[in-house]
Amino acid sequence: MDPITLIVTALAAGARATHRDAPPPALADAHAELVTFARQRLSGRPNGGMVLRQHAEDPARWARPLAKALAAEGADGDAGLVAAAQAVLRLTDEPGSSRGKYALDGASPSGQAPA
């Protein structure tokens, strides 16, 4: 999976999970950290915060605009943002994460680049 798709997927999964009754504190914290990283990455972009908020409300409709904004701001090279996305996905889909469903292209299932 490419880093931008990973980030957008994690933002959507985290938003869905935190809107449920009583999400686990670790998930709420991980999602909040992810949103903070994404907001910082988009802070210099006109309407960046709006796209992020709209995506949280309607991920299907806003996934492409958010992905384009993140890509334009170089989010694919932001190790902190990618790590925060992986943390959210581990908490929202541990089995998928363990199988490598969210591994970065050219990375092992653990998310680390092969040696």
PDB file of N, CA and C in Angstrom:
ATOM      1  N   MET A   1       0.855  -1.170   0.000  1.00  0.00           N
ATOM      2  CA  MET A   1       0.000   0.000   0.000  1.00  0.00           C
ATOM      3  C   MET A   1       0.900   1.231   0.000  1.00  0.00           C
ATOM      4  N   ASP A   2       0.527   2.245  -0.755  1.00  0.00           N
ATOM      5  CA  ASP A   2       1.337   3.457  -0.766  1.00  0.00           C
ATOM      6  C   ASP A   2       1.035   4.287   0.492  1.00  0.00           C
ATOM      7  N   PRO A   3       1.955   5.148   0.920  1.00  0.00           N
ATOM      8  CA  PRO A   3       1.785   5.884   2.171  1.00  0.00           C
ATOM      9  C   PRO A   3       0.535   6.768   2.217  1.00  0.00           C
ATOM     10  N   ILE A   4       0.177   7.401   1.113  1.00  0.00           N
ATOM     11  CA  ILE A   4      -1.000   8.285   1.119  1.00  0.00           C
ATOM     12  C   ILE A   4      -2.267   7.460   1.336  1.00  0.00           C
ATOM     13  N   THR A   5      -2.394   6.339   0.652  1.00  0.00           N
ATOM     14  CA  THR A   5      -3.558   5.461   0.843  1.00  0.00           C
ATOM     15  C   THR A   5      -3.601   4.957   2.281  1.00  0.00           C
ATOM     16  N   LEU A   6      -2.453   4.615   2.827  1.00  0.00           N
ATOM     17  CA  LEU A   6      -2.372   4.162   4.218  1.00  0.00           C
ATOM     18  C   LEU A   6      -2.894   5.244   5.168  1.00  0.00           C
ATOM     19  N   ILE A   7      -2.461   6.475   4.977  1.00  0.00           N
ATOM     20  CA  ILE A   7      -2.871   7.582   5.851  1.00  0.00           C
ATOM     21  C   ILE A   7      -4.376   7.826   5.740  1.00  0.00           C
ATOM     22  N   VAL A   8      -4.885   7.896   4.516  1.00  0.00           N
ATOM     23  CA  VAL A   8      -6.315   8.156   4.301  1.00  0.00           C
ATOM     24  C   VAL A   8      -7.152   7.011   4.872  1.00  0.00           C
ATOM     25  N   THR A   9      -6.700   5.778   4.688  1.00  0.00           N
ATOM     26  CA  THR A   9      -7.404   4.616   5.236  1.00  0.00           C
ATOM     27  C   THR A   9      -7.444   4.671   6.753  1.00  0.00           C
ATOM     28  N   ALA A  10      -6.318   5.015   7.362  1.00  0.00           N
ATOM     29  CA  ALA A  10      -6.252   5.099   8.827  1.00  0.00           C
ATOM     30  C   ALA A  10      -7.128   6.214   9.361  1.00  0.00           C
ATOM     31  N   LEU A  11      -7.144   7.355   8.685  1.00  0.00           N
ATOM     32  CA  LEU A  11      -8.008   8.454   9.131  1.00  0.00           C
ATOM     33  C   LEU A  11      -9.475   8.036   9.096  1.00  0.00           C
ATOM     34  N   ALA A  12      -9.878   7.332   8.042  1.00  0.00           N
ATOM     35  CA  ALA A  12     -11.263   6.870   7.937  1.00  0.00           C
ATOM     36  C   ALA A  12     -11.578   5.820   8.998  1.00  0.00           C
ATOM     37  N   ALA A  13     -10.680   4.851   9.174  1.00  0.00           N
ATOM     38  CA  ALA A  13     -10.904   3.792  10.167  1.00  0.00           C
ATOM     39  C   ALA A  13     -10.958   4.367  11.575  1.00  0.00           C
ATOM     40  N   GLY A  14     -10.069   5.289  11.870  1.00  0.00           N
ATOM     41  CA  GLY A  14     -10.057   5.916  13.189  1.00  0.00           C
ATOM     42  C   GLY A  14     -11.305   6.737  13.439  1.00  0.00           C
ATOM     43  N   ALA A  15     -11.761   7.473  12.428  1.00  0.00           N
ATOM     44  CA  ALA A  15     -12.977   8.273  12.584  1.00  0.00           C
ATOM     45  C   ALA A  15     -14.180   7.373  12.845  1.00  0.00           C
ATOM     46  N   ARG A  16     -14.296   6.290  12.080  1.00  0.00           N
ATOM     47  CA  ARG A  16     -15.412   5.354  12.296  1.00  0.00           C
ATOM     48  C   ARG A  16     -15.366   4.782  13.705  1.00  0.00           C
ATOM     49  N   ALA A  17     -14.197   4.324  14.109  1.00  0.00           N
ATOM     50  CA  ALA A  17     -14.053   3.654  15.407  1.00  0.00           C
ATOM     51  C   ALA A  17     -14.266   4.596  16.574  1.00  0.00           C
ATOM     52  N   THR A  18     -13.832   5.840  16.455  1.00  0.00           N
ATOM     53  CA  THR A  18     -13.983   6.763  17.578  1.00  0.00           C
ATOM     54  C   THR A  18     -15.386   7.338  17.674  1.00  0.00           C
ATOM     55  N   HIS A  19     -16.191   7.168  16.637  1.00  0.00           N
ATOM     56  CA  HIS A  19     -17.582   7.627  16.711  1.00  0.00           C
ATOM     57  C   HIS A  19     -18.502   6.584  17.346  1.00  0.00           C
ATOM     58  N   ARG A  20     -17.967   5.421  17.630  1.00  0.00           N
ATOM     59  CA  ARG A  20     -18.737   4.388  18.324  1.00  0.00           C
ATOM     60  C   ARG A  20     -18.776   4.722  19.804  1.00  0.00           C
ATOM     61  N   ASP A  21     -19.671   4.059  20.513  1.00  0.00           N
ATOM     62  CA  ASP A  21     -19.746   4.252  21.957  1.00  0.00           C
ATOM     63  C   ASP A  21     -18.476   3.749  22.618  1.00  0.00           C
ATOM     64  N   ALA A  22     -17.881   4.592  23.431  1.00  0.00           N
ATOM     65  CA  ALA A  22     -16.735   4.259  24.276  1.00  0.00           C
ATOM     66  C   ALA A  22     -15.601   3.543  23.543  1.00  0.00           C
ATOM     67  N   PRO A  23     -14.933   4.233  22.622  1.00  0.00           N
ATOM     68  CA  PRO A  23     -13.775   3.604  21.991  1.00  0.00           C
ATOM     69  C   PRO A  23     -12.675   3.397  23.027  1.00  0.00           C
ATOM     70  N   PRO A  24     -11.841   2.407  22.851  1.00  0.00           N
ATOM     71  CA  PRO A  24     -10.739   2.207  23.794  1.00  0.00           C
ATOM     72  C   PRO A  24      -9.873   3.468  23.860  1.00  0.00           C
ATOM     73  N   PRO A  25      -9.406   3.839  25.042  1.00  0.00           N
ATOM     74  CA  PRO A  25      -8.589   5.053  25.164  1.00  0.00           C
ATOM     75  C   PRO A  25      -7.370   5.048  24.243  1.00  0.00           C
ATOM     76  N   ALA A  26      -6.740   3.903  24.067  1.00  0.00           N
ATOM     77  CA  ALA A  26      -5.557   3.839  23.199  1.00  0.00           C
ATOM     78  C   ALA A  26      -5.917   4.214  21.765  1.00  0.00           C
ATOM     79  N   LEU A  27      -7.078   3.792  21.301  1.00  0.00           N
ATOM     80  CA  LEU A  27      -7.506   4.119  19.943  1.00  0.00           C
ATOM     81  C   LEU A  27      -7.830   5.605  19.827  1.00  0.00           C
ATOM     82  N   ALA A  28      -8.548   6.132  20.790  1.00  0.00           N
ATOM     83  CA  ALA A  28      -8.888   7.555  20.760  1.00  0.00           C
ATOM     84  C   ALA A  28      -7.617   8.402  20.742  1.00  0.00           C
ATOM     85  N   ASP A  29      -6.642   8.023  21.559  1.00  0.00           N
ATOM     86  CA  ASP A  29      -5.369   8.758  21.600  1.00  0.00           C
ATOM     87  C   ASP A  29      -4.603   8.633  20.291  1.00  0.00           C
ATOM     88  N   ALA A  30      -4.542   7.419  19.747  1.00  0.00           N
ATOM     89  CA  ALA A  30      -3.807   7.198  18.494  1.00  0.00           C
ATOM     90  C   ALA A  30      -4.457   7.963  17.343  1.00  0.00           C
ATOM     91  N   HIS A  31      -5.782   7.964  17.306  1.00  0.00           N
ATOM     92  CA  HIS A  31      -6.475   8.689  16.242  1.00  0.00           C
ATOM     93  C   HIS A  31      -6.265  10.193  16.396  1.00  0.00           C
ATOM     94  N   ALA A  32      -6.327  10.689  17.612  1.00  0.00           N
ATOM     95  CA  ALA A  32      -6.098  12.118  17.845  1.00  0.00           C
ATOM     96  C   ALA A  32      -4.696  12.519  17.396  1.00  0.00           C
ATOM     97  N   GLU A  33      -3.715  11.669  17.670  1.00  0.00           N
ATOM     98  CA  GLU A  33      -2.345  11.952  17.239  1.00  0.00           C
ATOM     99  C   GLU A  33      -2.251  11.962  15.717  1.00  0.00           C
ATOM    100  N   LEU A  34      -2.901  11.009  15.070  1.00  0.00           N
ATOM    101  CA  LEU A  34      -2.905  10.950  13.607  1.00  0.00           C
ATOM    102  C   LEU A  34      -3.522  12.211  13.013  1.00  0.00           C
ATOM    103  N   VAL A  35      -4.653  12.625  13.554  1.00  0.00           N
ATOM    104  CA  VAL A  35      -5.322  13.833  13.060  1.00  0.00           C
ATOM    105  C   VAL A  35      -4.423  15.052  13.260  1.00  0.00           C
ATOM    106  N   THR A  36      -3.744  15.120  14.394  1.00  0.00           N
ATOM    107  CA  THR A  36      -2.833  16.233  14.653  1.00  0.00           C
ATOM    108  C   THR A  36      -1.708  16.272  13.625  1.00  0.00           C
ATOM    109  N   PHE A  37      -1.091  15.125  13.348  1.00  0.00           N
ATOM    110  CA  PHE A  37      -0.037  15.059  12.326  1.00  0.00           C
ATOM    111  C   PHE A  37      -0.575  15.487  10.961  1.00  0.00           C
ATOM    112  N   ALA A  38      -1.751  14.992  10.598  1.00  0.00           N
ATOM    113  CA  ALA A  38      -2.338  15.331   9.296  1.00  0.00           C
ATOM    114  C   ALA A  38      -2.664  16.816   9.230  1.00  0.00           C
ATOM    115  N   ARG A  39      -3.230  17.354  10.292  1.00  0.00           N
ATOM    116  CA  ARG A  39      -3.572  18.781  10.325  1.00  0.00           C
ATOM    117  C   ARG A  39      -2.300  19.635  10.178  1.00  0.00           C
ATOM    118  N   GLN A  40      -1.231  19.239  10.860  1.00  0.00           N
ATOM    119  CA  GLN A  40       0.036  19.975  10.740  1.00  0.00           C
ATOM    120  C   GLN A  40       0.553  19.919   9.303  1.00  0.00           C
ATOM    121  N   ARG A  41       0.468  18.754   8.688  1.00  0.00           N
ATOM    122  CA  ARG A  41       0.955  18.587   7.322  1.00  0.00           C
ATOM    123  C   ARG A  41       0.155  19.460   6.364  1.00  0.00           C
ATOM    124  N   LEU A  42      -1.144  19.630   6.629  1.00  0.00           N
ATOM    125  CA  LEU A  42      -2.022  20.386   5.736  1.00  0.00           C
ATOM    126  C   LEU A  42      -2.156  21.852   6.129  1.00  0.00           C
ATOM    127  N   SER A  43      -1.464  22.280   7.170  1.00  0.00           N
ATOM    128  CA  SER A  43      -1.673  23.626   7.724  1.00  0.00           C
ATOM    129  C   SER A  43      -1.352  24.752   6.747  1.00  0.00           C
ATOM    130  N   GLY A  44      -0.442  24.557   5.847  1.00  0.00           N
ATOM    131  CA  GLY A  44      -0.105  25.608   4.902  1.00  0.00           C
ATOM    132  C   GLY A  44      -0.952  25.595   3.645  1.00  0.00           C
ATOM    133  N   ARG A  45      -1.878  24.679   3.574  1.00  0.00           N
ATOM    134  CA  ARG A  45      -2.686  24.510   2.372  1.00  0.00           C
ATOM    135  C   ARG A  45      -4.049  25.167   2.565  1.00  0.00           C
ATOM    136  N   PRO A  46      -4.460  26.042   1.624  1.00  0.00           N
ATOM    137  CA  PRO A  46      -5.809  26.601   1.723  1.00  0.00           C
ATOM    138  C   PRO A  46      -6.841  25.469   1.745  1.00  0.00           C
ATOM    139  N   ASN A  47      -7.748  25.527   2.651  1.00  0.00           N
ATOM    140  CA  ASN A  47      -8.811  24.533   2.815  1.00  0.00           C
ATOM    141  C   ASN A  47      -8.317  23.173   3.294  1.00  0.00           C
ATOM    142  N   GLY A  48      -7.067  23.060   3.709  1.00  0.00           N
ATOM    143  CA  GLY A  48      -6.546  21.785   4.187  1.00  0.00           C
ATOM    144  C   GLY A  48      -7.308  21.254   5.386  1.00  0.00           C
ATOM    145  N   GLY A  49      -7.551  22.114   6.362  1.00  0.00           N
ATOM    146  CA  GLY A  49      -8.303  21.706   7.550  1.00  0.00           C
ATOM    147  C   GLY A  49      -9.734  21.332   7.218  1.00  0.00           C
ATOM    148  N   MET A  50     -10.341  22.043   6.281  1.00  0.00           N
ATOM    149  CA  MET A  50     -11.713  21.753   5.876  1.00  0.00           C
ATOM    150  C   MET A  50     -11.800  20.374   5.223  1.00  0.00           C
ATOM    151  N   VAL A  51     -10.852  20.053   4.356  1.00  0.00           N
ATOM    152  CA  VAL A  51     -10.858  18.742   3.689  1.00  0.00           C
ATOM    153  C   VAL A  51     -10.710  17.636   4.730  1.00  0.00           C
ATOM    154  N   LEU A  52      -9.854  17.847   5.714  1.00  0.00           N
ATOM    155  CA  LEU A  52      -9.660  16.858   6.775  1.00  0.00           C
ATOM    156  C   LEU A  52     -10.947  16.665   7.581  1.00  0.00           C
ATOM    157  N   ARG A  53     -11.615  17.763   7.932  1.00  0.00           N
ATOM    158  CA  ARG A  53     -12.885  17.669   8.680  1.00  0.00           C
ATOM    159  C   ARG A  53     -13.970  16.996   7.853  1.00  0.00           C
ATOM    160  N   GLN A  54     -14.072  17.361   6.587  1.00  0.00           N
ATOM    161  CA  GLN A  54     -15.092  16.766   5.724  1.00  0.00           C
ATOM    162  C   GLN A  54     -14.843  15.269   5.552  1.00  0.00           C
ATOM    163  N   HIS A  55     -13.588  14.876   5.442  1.00  0.00           N
ATOM    164  CA  HIS A  55     -13.256  13.465   5.316  1.00  0.00           C
ATOM    165  C   HIS A  55     -13.705  12.687   6.540  1.00  0.00           C
ATOM    166  N   ALA A  56     -13.552  13.265   7.719  1.00  0.00           N
ATOM    167  CA  ALA A  56     -13.980  12.590   8.953  1.00  0.00           C
ATOM    168  C   ALA A  56     -15.485  12.344   8.945  1.00  0.00           C
ATOM    169  N   GLU A  57     -16.237  13.239   8.321  1.00  0.00           N
ATOM    170  CA  GLU A  57     -17.699  13.095   8.267  1.00  0.00           C
ATOM    171  C   GLU A  57     -18.173  12.191   7.133  1.00  0.00           C
ATOM    172  N   ASP A  58     -17.479  12.215   6.002  1.00  0.00           N
ATOM    173  CA  ASP A  58     -17.887  11.443   4.826  1.00  0.00           C
ATOM    174  C   ASP A  58     -16.650  10.936   4.089  1.00  0.00           C
ATOM    175  N   PRO A  59     -16.012   9.880   4.644  1.00  0.00           N
ATOM    176  CA  PRO A  59     -14.759   9.396   4.065  1.00  0.00           C
ATOM    177  C   PRO A  59     -14.869   8.976   2.595  1.00  0.00           C
ATOM    178  N   ALA A  60     -15.964   8.385   2.211  1.00  0.00           N
ATOM    179  CA  ALA A  60     -16.083   7.923   0.825  1.00  0.00           C
ATOM    180  C   ALA A  60     -16.027   9.101  -0.149  1.00  0.00           C
ATOM    181  N   ARG A  61     -16.699  10.159   0.166  1.00  0.00           N
ATOM    182  CA  ARG A  61     -16.755  11.315  -0.722  1.00  0.00           C
ATOM    183  C   ARG A  61     -15.464  12.124  -0.711  1.00  0.00           C
ATOM    184  N   TRP A  62     -14.812  12.205   0.440  1.00  0.00           N
ATOM    185  CA  TRP A  62     -13.674  13.091   0.602  1.00  0.00           C
ATOM    186  C   TRP A  62     -12.317  12.400   0.570  1.00  0.00           C
ATOM    187  N   ALA A  63     -12.278  11.091   0.323  1.00  0.00           N
ATOM    188  CA  ALA A  63     -11.004  10.375   0.299  1.00  0.00           C
ATOM    189  C   ALA A  63     -10.078  10.897  -0.798  1.00  0.00           C
ATOM    190  N   ARG A  64     -10.590  11.068  -1.978  1.00  0.00           N
ATOM    191  CA  ARG A  64      -9.744  11.528  -3.088  1.00  0.00           C
ATOM    192  C   ARG A  64      -9.232  12.955  -2.865  1.00  0.00           C
ATOM    193  N   PRO A  65     -10.094  13.919  -2.492  1.00  0.00           N
ATOM    194  CA  PRO A  65      -9.549  15.263  -2.235  1.00  0.00           C
ATOM    195  C   PRO A  65      -8.518  15.280  -1.103  1.00  0.00           C
ATOM    196  N   LEU A  66      -8.751  14.486  -0.059  1.00  0.00           N
ATOM    197  CA  LEU A  66      -7.790  14.435   1.037  1.00  0.00           C
ATOM    198  C   LEU A  66      -6.475  13.819   0.560  1.00  0.00           C
ATOM    199  N   ALA A  67      -6.554  12.749  -0.203  1.00  0.00           N
ATOM    200  CA  ALA A  67      -5.342  12.106  -0.718  1.00  0.00           C
ATOM    201  C   ALA A  67      -4.547  13.074  -1.598  1.00  0.00           C
ATOM    202  N   LYS A  68      -5.230  13.819  -2.436  1.00  0.00           N
ATOM    203  CA  LYS A  68      -4.547  14.780  -3.303  1.00  0.00           C
ATOM    204  C   LYS A  68      -3.870  15.870  -2.479  1.00  0.00           C
ATOM    205  N   ALA A  69      -4.564  16.356  -1.448  1.00  0.00           N
ATOM    206  CA  ALA A  69      -3.991  17.407  -0.600  1.00  0.00           C
ATOM    207  C   ALA A  69      -2.780  16.885   0.162  1.00  0.00           C
ATOM    208  N   LEU A  70      -2.885  15.685   0.716  1.00  0.00           N
ATOM    209  CA  LEU A  70      -1.764  15.101   1.453  1.00  0.00           C
ATOM    210  C   LEU A  70      -0.568  14.866   0.533  1.00  0.00           C
ATOM    211  N   ALA A  71      -0.828  14.364  -0.653  1.00  0.00           N
ATOM    212  CA  ALA A  71       0.253  14.117  -1.606  1.00  0.00           C
ATOM    213  C   ALA A  71       0.932  15.427  -1.999  1.00  0.00           C
ATOM    214  N   ALA A  72       0.146  16.463  -2.243  1.00  0.00           N
ATOM    215  CA  ALA A  72       0.705  17.752  -2.631  1.00  0.00           C
ATOM    216  C   ALA A  72       1.582  18.352  -1.538  1.00  0.00           C
ATOM    217  N   GLU A  73       1.291  17.995  -0.292  1.00  0.00           N
ATOM    218  CA  GLU A  73       2.065  18.519   0.837  1.00  0.00           C
ATOM    219  C   GLU A  73       3.193  17.579   1.279  1.00  0.00           C
ATOM    220  N   GLY A  74       3.442  16.525   0.518  1.00  0.00           N
ATOM    221  CA  GLY A  74       4.563  15.630   0.811  1.00  0.00           C
ATOM    222  C   GLY A  74       4.347  14.695   1.976  1.00  0.00           C
ATOM    223  N   ALA A  75       3.103  14.369   2.270  1.00  0.00           N
ATOM    224  CA  ALA A  75       2.804  13.498   3.414  1.00  0.00           C
ATOM    225  C   ALA A  75       3.384  12.102   3.258  1.00  0.00           C
ATOM    226  N   ASP A  76       3.604  11.673   2.034  1.00  0.00           N
ATOM    227  CA  ASP A  76       4.142  10.322   1.829  1.00  0.00           C
ATOM    228  C   ASP A  76       5.553  10.173   2.379  1.00  0.00           C
ATOM    229  N   GLY A  77       6.252  11.275   2.592  1.00  0.00           N
ATOM    230  CA  GLY A  77       7.592  11.223   3.155  1.00  0.00           C
ATOM    231  C   GLY A  77       7.656  11.589   4.626  1.00  0.00           C
ATOM    232  N   ASP A  78       6.500  11.748   5.267  1.00  0.00           N
ATOM    233  CA  ASP A  78       6.432  12.138   6.675  1.00  0.00           C
ATOM    234  C   ASP A  78       6.379  10.883   7.545  1.00  0.00           C
ATOM    235  N   ALA A  79       7.534  10.490   8.076  1.00  0.00           N
ATOM    236  CA  ALA A  79       7.626   9.242   8.847  1.00  0.00           C
ATOM    237  C   ALA A  79       6.720   9.252  10.070  1.00  0.00           C
ATOM    238  N   GLY A  80       6.579  10.393  10.742  1.00  0.00           N
ATOM    239  CA  GLY A  80       5.710  10.471  11.916  1.00  0.00           C
ATOM    240  C   GLY A  80       4.254  10.261  11.559  1.00  0.00           C
ATOM    241  N   LEU A  81       3.822  10.843  10.470  1.00  0.00           N
ATOM    242  CA  LEU A  81       2.440  10.694  10.010  1.00  0.00           C
ATOM    243  C   LEU A  81       2.164   9.255   9.595  1.00  0.00           C
ATOM    244  N   VAL A  82       3.081   8.656   8.865  1.00  0.00           N
ATOM    245  CA  VAL A  82       2.915   7.261   8.442  1.00  0.00           C
ATOM    246  C   VAL A  82       2.889   6.335   9.662  1.00  0.00           C
ATOM    247  N   ALA A  83       3.766   6.557  10.620  1.00  0.00           N
ATOM    248  CA  ALA A  83       3.789   5.723  11.830  1.00  0.00           C
ATOM    249  C   ALA A  83       2.496   5.877  12.622  1.00  0.00           C
ATOM    250  N   ALA A  84       1.964   7.098  12.697  1.00  0.00           N
ATOM    251  CA  ALA A  84       0.702   7.319  13.405  1.00  0.00           C
ATOM    252  C   ALA A  84      -0.441   6.599  12.696  1.00  0.00           C
ATOM    253  N   ALA A  85      -0.418   6.599  11.370  1.00  0.00           N
ATOM    254  CA  ALA A  85      -1.444   5.884  10.596  1.00  0.00           C
ATOM    255  C   ALA A  85      -1.353   4.385  10.856  1.00  0.00           C
ATOM    256  N   GLN A  86      -0.138   3.850  10.866  1.00  0.00           N
ATOM    257  CA  GLN A  86       0.029   2.420  11.129  1.00  0.00           C
ATOM    258  C   GLN A  86      -0.445   2.062  12.541  1.00  0.00           C
ATOM    259  N   ALA A  87      -0.221   2.936  13.500  1.00  0.00           N
ATOM    260  CA  ALA A  87      -0.671   2.679  14.874  1.00  0.00           C
ATOM    261  C   ALA A  87      -2.189   2.595  14.941  1.00  0.00           C
ATOM    262  N   VAL A  88      -2.872   3.492  14.248  1.00  0.00           N
ATOM    263  CA  VAL A  88      -4.342   3.460  14.231  1.00  0.00           C
ATOM    264  C   VAL A  88      -4.829   2.174  13.579  1.00  0.00           C
ATOM    265  N   LEU A  89      -4.222   1.782  12.483  1.00  0.00           N
ATOM    266  CA  LEU A  89      -4.667   0.573  11.786  1.00  0.00           C
ATOM    267  C   LEU A  89      -4.385  -0.687  12.603  1.00  0.00           C
ATOM    268  N   ARG A  90      -3.301  -0.698  13.367  1.00  0.00           N
ATOM    269  CA  ARG A  90      -3.051  -1.841  14.256  1.00  0.00           C
ATOM    270  C   ARG A  90      -4.161  -1.958  15.294  1.00  0.00           C
ATOM    271  N   LEU A  91      -4.676  -0.827  15.764  1.00  0.00           N
ATOM    272  CA  LEU A  91      -5.727  -0.844  16.784  1.00  0.00           C
ATOM    273  C   LEU A  91      -7.112  -1.111  16.205  1.00  0.00           C
ATOM    274  N   THR A  92      -7.350  -0.708  14.973  1.00  0.00           N
ATOM    275  CA  THR A  92      -8.672  -0.900  14.379  1.00  0.00           C
ATOM    276  C   THR A  92      -8.796  -2.225  13.634  1.00  0.00           C
ATOM    277  N   ASP A  93      -7.672  -2.781  13.189  1.00  0.00           N
ATOM    278  CA  ASP A  93      -7.695  -4.043  12.444  1.00  0.00           C
ATOM    279  C   ASP A  93      -6.408  -4.812  12.726  1.00  0.00           C
ATOM    280  N   GLU A  94      -6.289  -5.331  13.929  1.00  0.00           N
ATOM    281  CA  GLU A  94      -5.072  -6.049  14.326  1.00  0.00           C
ATOM    282  C   GLU A  94      -4.824  -7.265  13.436  1.00  0.00           C
ATOM    283  N   PRO A  95      -5.850  -8.078  13.117  1.00  0.00           N
ATOM    284  CA  PRO A  95      -5.591  -9.222  12.237  1.00  0.00           C
ATOM    285  C   PRO A  95      -5.075  -8.808  10.853  1.00  0.00           C
ATOM    286  N   GLY A  96      -5.681  -7.777  10.281  1.00  0.00           N
ATOM    287  CA  GLY A  96      -5.227  -7.307   8.975  1.00  0.00           C
ATOM    288  C   GLY A  96      -3.821  -6.755   9.037  1.00  0.00           C
ATOM    289  N   SER A  97      -3.523  -6.038  10.098  1.00  0.00           N
ATOM    290  CA  SER A  97      -2.173  -5.497  10.275  1.00  0.00           C
ATOM    291  C   SER A  97      -1.154  -6.619  10.401  1.00  0.00           C
ATOM    292  N   SER A  98      -1.487  -7.640  11.150  1.00  0.00           N
ATOM    293  CA  SER A  98      -0.574  -8.776  11.340  1.00  0.00           C
ATOM    294  C   SER A  98      -0.299  -9.509  10.032  1.00  0.00           C
ATOM    295  N   ARG A  99      -1.309  -9.578   9.156  1.00  0.00           N
ATOM    296  CA  ARG A  99      -1.149 -10.263   7.866  1.00  0.00           C
ATOM    297  C   ARG A  99      -0.441  -9.396   6.830  1.00  0.00           C
ATOM    298  N   GLY A 100      -0.166  -8.141   7.162  1.00  0.00           N
ATOM    299  CA  GLY A 100       0.507  -7.260   6.219  1.00  0.00           C
ATOM    300  C   GLY A 100      -0.422  -6.494   5.315  1.00  0.00           C
ATOM    301  N   LYS A 101      -1.700  -6.469   5.633  1.00  0.00           N
ATOM    302  CA  LYS A 101      -2.688  -5.769   4.816  1.00  0.00           C
ATOM    303  C   LYS A 101      -2.323  -4.292   4.625  1.00  0.00           C
ATOM    304  N   TYR A 102      -1.706  -3.701   5.635  1.00  0.00           N
ATOM    305  CA  TYR A 102      -1.385  -2.270   5.589  1.00  0.00           C
ATOM    306  C   TYR A 102       0.110  -2.009   5.453  1.00  0.00           C
ATOM    307  N   ALA A 103       0.847  -3.000   4.991  1.00  0.00           N
ATOM    308  CA  ALA A 103       2.284  -2.818   4.788  1.00  0.00           C
ATOM    309  C   ALA A 103       2.503  -1.842   3.636  1.00  0.00           C
ATOM    310  N   LEU A 104       3.512  -1.029   3.778  1.00  0.00           N
ATOM    311  CA  LEU A 104       3.856  -0.102   2.709  1.00  0.00           C
ATOM    312  C   LEU A 104       4.440  -0.873   1.541  1.00  0.00           C
ATOM    313  N   ASP A 105       4.225  -0.365   0.337  1.00  0.00           N
ATOM    314  CA  ASP A 105       4.807  -0.993  -0.851  1.00  0.00           C
ATOM    315  C   ASP A 105       6.302  -1.158  -0.637  1.00  0.00           C
ATOM    316  N   GLY A 106       6.800  -2.352  -0.869  1.00  0.00           N
ATOM    317  CA  GLY A 106       8.219  -2.622  -0.696  1.00  0.00           C
ATOM    318  C   GLY A 106       8.625  -2.854   0.742  1.00  0.00           C
ATOM    319  N   ALA A 107       7.630  -3.010   1.642  1.00  0.00           N
ATOM    320  CA  ALA A 107       7.939  -3.238   3.066  1.00  0.00           C
ATOM    321  C   ALA A 107       7.465  -4.622   3.454  1.00  0.00           C
ATOM    322  N   SER A 108       8.033  -5.127   4.515  1.00  0.00           N
ATOM    323  CA  SER A 108       7.609  -6.414   5.053  1.00  0.00           C
ATOM    324  C   SER A 108       6.302  -6.244   5.811  1.00  0.00           C
ATOM    325  N   PRO A 109       5.584  -7.316   6.185  1.00  0.00           N
ATOM    326  CA  PRO A 109       4.337  -7.196   6.934  1.00  0.00           C
ATOM    327  C   PRO A 109       4.468  -6.416   8.226  1.00  0.00           C
ATOM    328  N   SER A 110       5.639  -6.336   8.810  1.00  0.00           N
ATOM    329  CA  SER A 110       5.810  -5.565  10.043  1.00  0.00           C
ATOM    330  C   SER A 110       5.829  -4.069   9.761  1.00  0.00           C
ATOM    331  N   GLY A 111       5.845  -3.706   8.482  1.00  0.00           N
ATOM    332  CA  GLY A 111       5.884  -2.304   8.109  1.00  0.00           C
ATOM    333  C   GLY A 111       7.297  -1.777   7.925  1.00  0.00           C
ATOM    334  N   GLN A 112       8.280  -2.633   8.157  1.00  0.00           N
ATOM    335  CA  GLN A 112       9.673  -2.245   8.024  1.00  0.00           C
ATOM    336  C   GLN A 112      10.158  -2.642   6.634  1.00  0.00           C
ATOM    337  N   ALA A 113      11.021  -1.847   6.084  1.00  0.00           N
ATOM    338  CA  ALA A 113      11.600  -2.173   4.785  1.00  0.00           C
ATOM    339  C   ALA A 113      12.459  -3.426   4.938  1.00  0.00           C
ATOM    340  N   PRO A 114      12.444  -4.290   3.933  1.00  0.00           N
ATOM    341  CA  PRO A 114      13.271  -5.494   4.018  1.00  0.00           C
ATOM    342  C   PRO A 114      14.751  -5.138   4.126  1.00  0.00           C
ATOM    343  N   ALA A 115      15.513  -5.983   4.832  1.00  0.00           N
ATOM    344  CA  ALA A 115      16.955  -5.719   5.004  1.00  0.00           C
ATOM    345  C   ALA A 115      17.740  -6.135   3.788  1.00  0.00           C
TER     346      ALA A 115
END
